[in-house]
Every structure is written in C-alpha cells, then in structure tokens.
Protein backbone atom coordinates (compact mmCIF):
# COMPACT_ATOMS: atom_id res chain seq x y z
CA MET A 1 -15.01 -104.62 -197.46
CA ARG A 2 -18.18 -102.55 -197.48
CA TRP A 3 -18.00 -101.95 -201.24
CA LEU A 4 -17.77 -105.71 -201.84
CA THR A 5 -20.90 -106.31 -199.75
CA LEU A 6 -22.76 -103.58 -201.56
CA TYR A 7 -21.60 -104.86 -204.93
CA ALA A 8 -22.70 -108.43 -204.10
CA ARG A 9 -26.13 -107.27 -202.96
CA SER A 10 -26.61 -105.02 -205.98
CA ARG A 11 -25.76 -107.95 -208.26
CA GLN A 12 -28.20 -110.27 -206.45
CA VAL A 13 -25.45 -112.67 -205.42
CA PRO A 14 -27.29 -114.06 -202.33
CA ALA A 15 -30.40 -114.95 -204.36
CA SER A 16 -28.34 -116.42 -207.20
CA LEU A 17 -26.30 -118.48 -204.76
CA ALA A 18 -29.46 -119.80 -203.09
CA VAL A 19 -30.91 -120.89 -206.45
CA ALA A 20 -27.62 -122.54 -207.45
CA VAL A 21 -27.36 -124.43 -204.15
CA ILE A 22 -30.97 -125.61 -204.30
CA SER A 23 -30.58 -126.85 -207.87
CA ALA A 24 -27.30 -128.62 -207.07
CA VAL A 25 -28.79 -130.38 -204.05
CA ALA A 26 -31.92 -131.32 -206.02
CA VAL A 27 -29.88 -132.88 -208.82
CA TRP A 28 -27.65 -134.61 -206.28
CA ALA A 29 -30.79 -136.10 -204.68
CA LEU A 30 -31.97 -137.29 -208.10
CA ALA A 31 -28.59 -138.92 -208.74
CA ARG A 32 -28.74 -140.92 -205.51
CA ASP A 33 -30.87 -143.60 -207.18
CA GLY A 34 -27.77 -144.80 -209.03
CA SER A 35 -28.95 -144.00 -212.56
CA GLY A 36 -26.41 -141.21 -212.99
CA GLY A 37 -22.72 -141.60 -212.44
CA THR A 38 -19.33 -140.47 -213.58
CA GLY A 39 -20.08 -141.79 -217.06
CA ASP A 40 -23.33 -139.84 -217.52
CA PRO A 41 -22.61 -136.16 -218.27
CA ARG A 42 -26.21 -134.93 -218.31
CA LEU A 43 -26.80 -134.37 -214.59
CA PRO A 44 -23.55 -132.56 -213.79
CA THR A 45 -23.98 -130.43 -216.91
CA LEU A 46 -27.50 -129.58 -215.78
CA VAL A 47 -26.19 -128.52 -212.35
CA LEU A 48 -23.50 -126.34 -213.89
CA THR A 49 -25.93 -124.78 -216.37
CA ALA A 50 -28.46 -124.06 -213.62
CA GLY A 51 -25.78 -122.42 -211.50
CA ALA A 52 -24.42 -120.33 -214.36
CA THR A 53 -27.87 -119.19 -215.44
CA ALA A 54 -28.82 -118.29 -211.86
CA ALA A 55 -25.66 -116.20 -211.50
CA SER A 56 -26.07 -114.55 -214.90
CA ILE A 57 -28.67 -112.09 -213.65
CA GLY A 58 -25.95 -110.43 -211.59
CA LEU A 59 -23.98 -109.48 -214.68
CA GLY A 60 -26.01 -106.31 -214.90
CA GLY A 61 -26.68 -103.74 -212.21
CA GLN A 62 -29.91 -102.03 -211.25
CA ASP A 63 -29.06 -99.02 -213.39
CA PRO A 64 -27.03 -99.68 -216.58
CA ALA A 65 -26.47 -95.96 -217.15
CA LEU A 66 -24.91 -95.63 -213.71
CA ASP A 67 -22.59 -98.56 -214.43
CA ARG A 68 -21.42 -96.93 -217.64
CA THR A 69 -20.83 -93.49 -216.16
CA ALA A 70 -19.27 -94.45 -212.83
CA ALA A 71 -15.89 -93.01 -212.02
CA ILE A 72 -14.40 -96.45 -211.43
CA ARG A 73 -12.88 -98.82 -213.95
CA TRP A 74 -15.39 -101.57 -214.62
CA MET A 75 -13.33 -103.70 -216.98
CA LEU A 76 -11.32 -105.50 -214.29
CA ARG A 77 -14.35 -105.84 -212.00
CA ARG A 78 -16.41 -107.33 -214.81
CA ALA A 79 -13.71 -109.85 -215.70
CA VAL A 80 -13.30 -110.89 -212.06
CA HIS A 81 -17.07 -111.19 -211.67
CA VAL A 82 -17.30 -113.56 -214.63
CA LEU A 83 -14.37 -115.64 -213.39
CA LEU A 84 -15.90 -115.84 -209.92
CA ILE A 85 -19.17 -117.12 -211.42
CA GLY A 86 -17.34 -119.98 -213.12
CA THR A 87 -15.32 -120.77 -210.00
CA ALA A 88 -18.32 -120.69 -207.68
CA VAL A 89 -20.49 -122.85 -209.92
CA GLY A 90 -17.75 -125.46 -210.33
CA ALA A 91 -16.89 -125.43 -206.64
CA LEU A 92 -20.55 -125.89 -205.76
CA LEU A 93 -20.81 -129.08 -207.82
CA LEU A 94 -17.54 -130.41 -206.40
CA ALA A 95 -18.78 -129.65 -202.88
CA VAL A 96 -22.06 -131.47 -203.49
CA GLN A 97 -20.09 -134.46 -204.76
CA THR A 98 -18.35 -134.78 -201.41
CA MET A 99 -21.68 -135.89 -199.93
CA GLY A 100 -21.31 -139.24 -201.62
CA GLU A 101 -22.42 -139.23 -205.26
CA ASP A 102 -19.58 -138.81 -207.76
CA LEU A 103 -21.31 -137.05 -210.65
CA ALA A 104 -18.30 -135.88 -212.68
CA THR A 105 -14.54 -135.64 -212.67
CA THR A 106 -12.82 -132.43 -211.67
CA ALA A 107 -11.56 -131.90 -215.24
CA PHE A 108 -15.12 -132.15 -216.56
CA VAL A 109 -16.38 -129.65 -213.98
CA VAL A 110 -13.58 -127.16 -214.67
CA ARG A 111 -14.03 -127.34 -218.44
CA ASN A 112 -17.81 -127.01 -218.38
CA SER A 113 -17.97 -124.30 -215.73
CA ALA A 114 -15.42 -122.25 -217.70
CA GLY A 115 -17.35 -122.68 -220.94
CA LEU A 116 -20.71 -121.94 -219.34
CA MET A 117 -19.25 -118.89 -217.65
CA GLY A 118 -18.17 -117.67 -221.08
CA LEU A 119 -21.60 -118.35 -222.54
CA VAL A 120 -23.42 -116.30 -219.89
CA ALA A 121 -20.89 -113.49 -220.36
CA ILE A 122 -21.51 -113.49 -224.11
CA GLY A 123 -25.23 -113.60 -223.43
CA ALA A 124 -24.98 -110.58 -221.12
CA ALA A 125 -22.88 -108.62 -223.62
CA VAL A 126 -25.16 -109.43 -226.55
CA CYS A 127 -28.65 -109.73 -225.02
CA GLY A 128 -28.34 -108.02 -221.63
CA ALA A 129 -28.09 -109.53 -218.16
CA GLN A 130 -31.79 -110.32 -217.94
CA TYR A 131 -31.48 -112.61 -220.99
CA ALA A 132 -27.94 -113.92 -220.44
CA TRP A 133 -29.36 -117.28 -219.37
CA THR A 134 -30.75 -117.99 -222.85
CA LEU A 135 -27.45 -118.84 -224.53
CA PRO A 136 -26.25 -121.61 -222.15
CA THR A 137 -29.76 -123.03 -221.79
CA THR A 138 -30.32 -123.14 -225.54
CA TRP A 139 -26.89 -124.65 -226.16
CA LEU A 140 -27.52 -127.36 -223.55
CA ALA A 141 -30.95 -128.17 -224.97
CA PHE A 142 -29.58 -128.32 -228.51
CA SER A 143 -26.59 -130.48 -227.61
CA SER A 144 -28.82 -132.84 -225.63
CA ILE A 145 -30.96 -133.75 -228.64
CA ILE A 146 -28.13 -134.12 -231.15
CA PRO A 147 -26.87 -137.66 -231.80
CA PRO A 148 -23.48 -138.58 -230.30
CA ALA A 149 -20.60 -136.58 -231.71
CA THR A 150 -18.50 -138.25 -234.39
CA GLY A 151 -16.80 -135.46 -236.32
CA THR A 152 -15.04 -132.37 -235.05
CA PRO A 153 -17.87 -129.94 -235.95
CA MET A 154 -20.35 -132.04 -233.96
CA GLN A 155 -17.88 -132.27 -231.07
CA VAL A 156 -17.69 -128.49 -231.04
CA VAL A 157 -21.49 -128.28 -230.85
CA THR A 158 -21.78 -130.94 -228.11
CA TRP A 159 -18.73 -129.91 -226.08
CA MET A 160 -20.72 -129.83 -222.82
CA LEU A 161 -21.46 -133.55 -222.92
CA LEU A 162 -18.09 -134.84 -224.14
CA PRO A 163 -15.60 -136.62 -221.88
CA PRO A 164 -13.04 -134.27 -220.32
CA GLY A 165 -10.09 -135.48 -222.40
CA THR A 166 -11.67 -134.59 -225.75
CA THR A 167 -9.55 -131.98 -227.51
CA ALA A 168 -12.41 -130.33 -229.42
CA GLY A 169 -14.51 -130.02 -226.26
CA THR A 170 -11.67 -128.53 -224.24
CA TRP A 171 -10.71 -126.00 -226.90
CA THR A 172 -14.33 -125.01 -227.50
CA ALA A 173 -14.87 -124.34 -223.80
CA LEU A 174 -11.59 -122.41 -223.59
CA VAL A 175 -12.38 -120.22 -226.61
CA ILE A 176 -15.90 -119.52 -225.32
CA ALA A 177 -14.56 -118.67 -221.85
CA VAL A 178 -11.92 -116.26 -223.14
CA ALA A 179 -14.20 -114.65 -225.74
CA GLY A 180 -17.07 -114.27 -223.30
CA THR A 181 -14.94 -112.81 -220.52
CA ALA A 182 -13.28 -110.37 -222.92
CA ALA A 183 -16.56 -109.31 -224.53
CA TYR A 184 -18.28 -108.71 -221.21
CA ALA A 185 -15.26 -107.01 -219.61
CA LEU A 186 -14.85 -104.61 -222.53
CA ALA A 187 -18.48 -103.91 -223.46
CA GLY A 188 -20.39 -104.66 -220.29
CA PRO A 189 -24.00 -105.79 -220.32
CA ARG A 190 -26.23 -104.65 -223.13
CA ARG A 191 -28.90 -102.16 -222.13
C-alpha cells in the first residue's frame, strides 16, 4: 500500500482531485439556476474536461528519466492510471448529480470521460504531461463554436456535445480512448 501512496503523491493526485472537485461543485452551483439540464451538454462536458485536464498533470512524474529507467514495468501502470482518470472524472460528475441537479445521463458521462481520458493520454504522449491539457481543451473550444453537427465528419469533430446514442460520437470517443491509452502505455509521457 505504501507504493500506491507514494505513486499518488508523486503524480499530484491530491491536488488534481481537489481541482476537479472544486470545478465540479462550481459548475453544479451554476446549473442550479435551471438554465442547464439533461438536454444541454455544455456544462457536463465542461466539468468532465476540467477534471480530465486537472488530472493530466499526473501523467508524468517528477523525473522523466527515472520513469524510463526504473526496474519496474510501466506499461500496465500507465494504462491503469489513464483508466482511473476517466473513471474518477466520470464518477465525480455522477456524484455531484446526486445532490439534485441532473446534468447528464450516465451514458453521456461514460462516453465523454472515456474520450477525454484518451485525449489527455494522447496529449501526454505527444506533448508531455505538462501540456496534456491542451488537446481536450482545444477540442472542446473548437467543437463549441462549430454549428450543430449534420454530417458524419462534423459529428466526429463535435462528439463531446452529441447525445449519447449517436453512433459517430460513441465510436469517436471509443477510438480516442483506446488509441490514447495504448499510446501513453507504450510510449509514456514525452520529455
């Protein structure tokens, strides 16, 4: 159990969790005025993106060279870390919803947290852990200003804001989650 505590502290899990909880509660408080609801995907997507970006800093350790030369196998640990980020971020939103405001369906939360988890993992593998937040934040900003999706290519681009039953949105999130987890597990964070 001691190695898990040390690992969590070295990956800044307590600070990331605090930021994710504060952002989820703040968005929940904003949604209490009744303007957001199950039909409006912007607020729950913002909560999930904030949680994923807060947790993304932990995808890299204090010393990248030490991570690469350690005598332990990092591939499984990296994959589990990425999956735990997605699970924790989704569970946090679902927990906040139990306080009264129904922001999104469970299927929406699962799909978006999986896709966002994949985006931060790709960001860590390509840009490094300190810049892993840029990919999900940029994708959310871009998909927020695009007109409503009509064709499949536009549905792929705006997958975060689509209803949970949309095939293109679900497959896009799944592909991003698998590709991101695999890329980060195999390559680790960029130096």
